[in-house]
Each structure stands twice: as C-alpha cells, then as structure tokens.
Protein backbone atom coordinates (compact mmCIF):
# COMPACT_ATOMS: atom_id res chain seq x y z
CA MET A 1 -29.26 -4.32 -30.33
CA ALA A 2 -26.57 -1.73 -29.80
CA GLY A 3 -23.32 -3.54 -30.30
CA ALA A 4 -19.65 -3.05 -29.78
CA ILE A 5 -16.83 -4.62 -31.73
CA GLY A 6 -14.30 -6.15 -29.38
CA PRO A 7 -10.54 -6.53 -29.77
CA ASP A 8 -11.21 -9.85 -31.49
CA GLY A 9 -13.25 -8.16 -34.23
CA ILE A 10 -16.54 -9.77 -33.16
CA GLU A 11 -19.63 -7.68 -32.45
CA ARG A 12 -21.39 -8.29 -29.14
CA SER A 13 -23.62 -6.22 -26.91
CA VAL A 14 -21.83 -3.48 -24.99
CA GLN A 15 -22.79 -5.17 -21.73
CA LYS A 16 -21.32 -8.51 -22.86
CA GLU A 17 -18.09 -6.78 -23.97
CA HIS A 18 -17.81 -5.10 -20.59
CA ARG A 19 -18.37 -8.39 -18.76
CA ILE A 20 -15.72 -10.16 -20.86
CA ASN A 21 -13.19 -7.35 -20.37
CA GLU A 22 -13.75 -7.23 -16.63
CA ALA A 23 -13.44 -11.03 -16.43
CA PHE A 24 -10.04 -10.85 -18.14
CA PHE A 25 -8.90 -8.10 -15.78
CA GLN A 26 -10.04 -10.08 -12.73
CA THR A 27 -8.50 -13.31 -14.03
CA PHE A 28 -5.08 -11.83 -14.79
CA ARG A 29 -4.40 -10.08 -11.46
CA GLY A 30 -1.87 -11.08 -8.84
CA GLU A 31 1.54 -12.70 -8.90
CA ALA A 32 0.48 -16.01 -10.47
CA ALA A 33 -1.30 -14.14 -13.24
CA LYS A 34 1.73 -11.91 -13.87
CA LEU A 35 3.98 -14.95 -14.10
CA SER A 36 1.54 -16.60 -16.51
CA LEU A 37 1.27 -13.49 -18.69
CA ASP A 38 5.05 -13.04 -18.75
CA TYR A 39 5.42 -16.65 -19.88
CA LEU A 40 2.76 -16.29 -22.59
CA GLN A 41 4.41 -13.10 -23.85
CA SER A 42 7.80 -14.81 -23.92
CA ILE A 43 6.49 -17.53 -26.26
CA THR A 44 4.37 -15.22 -28.42
CA LEU A 45 5.22 -11.53 -28.66
CA LYS A 46 8.91 -11.89 -27.80
CA MET A 47 9.63 -15.00 -29.88
CA VAL A 48 11.33 -14.56 -33.24
CA ASN A 49 11.35 -17.11 -36.03
CA GLY A 50 14.50 -17.61 -38.03
CA PRO A 51 14.86 -17.17 -41.78
CA ASP A 52 14.27 -20.88 -42.32
CA ALA A 53 10.76 -20.75 -40.79
CA THR A 54 8.05 -22.20 -42.99
CA ASP A 55 4.99 -20.24 -44.04
CA SER A 56 2.81 -22.33 -41.75
CA ALA A 57 5.17 -21.75 -38.80
CA LEU A 58 5.03 -17.99 -39.38
CA ARG A 59 1.23 -18.06 -39.61
CA HIS A 60 1.02 -20.12 -36.44
CA ARG A 61 3.31 -17.72 -34.57
CA GLU A 62 1.33 -14.71 -35.79
CA GLY A 63 -1.92 -16.32 -34.61
CA MET A 64 -0.39 -16.83 -31.17
CA ARG A 65 0.73 -13.19 -31.13
CA ASP A 66 -2.71 -12.00 -32.13
CA LEU A 67 -4.31 -13.99 -29.31
CA MET A 68 -1.85 -12.46 -26.83
CA ARG A 69 -2.65 -8.97 -28.10
CA ILE A 70 -6.37 -9.67 -27.59
CA ILE A 71 -5.74 -10.88 -24.04
CA ASN A 72 -3.63 -7.80 -23.21
CA LYS A 73 -6.22 -5.45 -24.71
CA ARG A 74 -9.09 -7.06 -22.80
CA ILE A 75 -7.14 -6.78 -19.54
CA GLN A 76 -6.48 -3.09 -20.24
CA LEU A 77 -10.11 -2.39 -21.15
CA GLY A 78 -11.37 -4.24 -18.10
CA GLU A 79 -9.12 -2.23 -15.81
CA GLU A 80 -10.26 1.03 -17.43
CA GLN A 81 -13.93 0.05 -17.08
CA ILE A 82 -13.56 -0.85 -13.41
CA ARG A 83 -11.72 2.42 -12.68
CA GLN A 84 -14.43 4.37 -14.52
CA THR A 85 -17.17 2.59 -12.56
CA LYS A 86 -15.43 3.37 -9.25
CA LYS A 87 -14.96 7.00 -10.28
CA GLU A 88 -18.68 7.33 -11.07
CA SER A 89 -19.69 5.82 -7.69
C-alpha cells in the first residue's frame, strides 16, 4: 500500500488522505464555518497562558493548538486538491 503521512503524523492511503482533506475543506466553508474557525482559533492559537500556568495546563493548551493546526492544514490541503482536480479537468 502506497501511503501518505498526514498532518496528524498518521500514515494512510493517499486516497484516504485526499478524502479526509477534501471533507475538511467542504465542512469549513461558508460564514458559519468561518465564525466557528475564528472562535476555535481564539481559544487555541491566540490564547496565552500566564506565568502561573501549571505544566498540565500548558500541555493541554498545546494539544488544543496542535489540533487547530491540523484542522487548518487539512482545510488548506483540501482546497489545493480540489483546485488541482478542477485544473486537470
């Protein structure tokens, strides 16, 4: 099986990766999706812990940030794949 390693670090078939990426792109389109993504980014990527944050709080925040980065990357890849498919048609 020819595989591809996705933004989450897990190897899947190229076809499965493409389907997942395109699903993320389709899911996070439109005004409601933009509002949702903006909210998620505000509580993950844009949130800063203070100096009194515990180790577990920092790890939790970093996990949330990592998940948001995966979502953003899959949306980007899905958009690129769909554009490439249209270009080839």
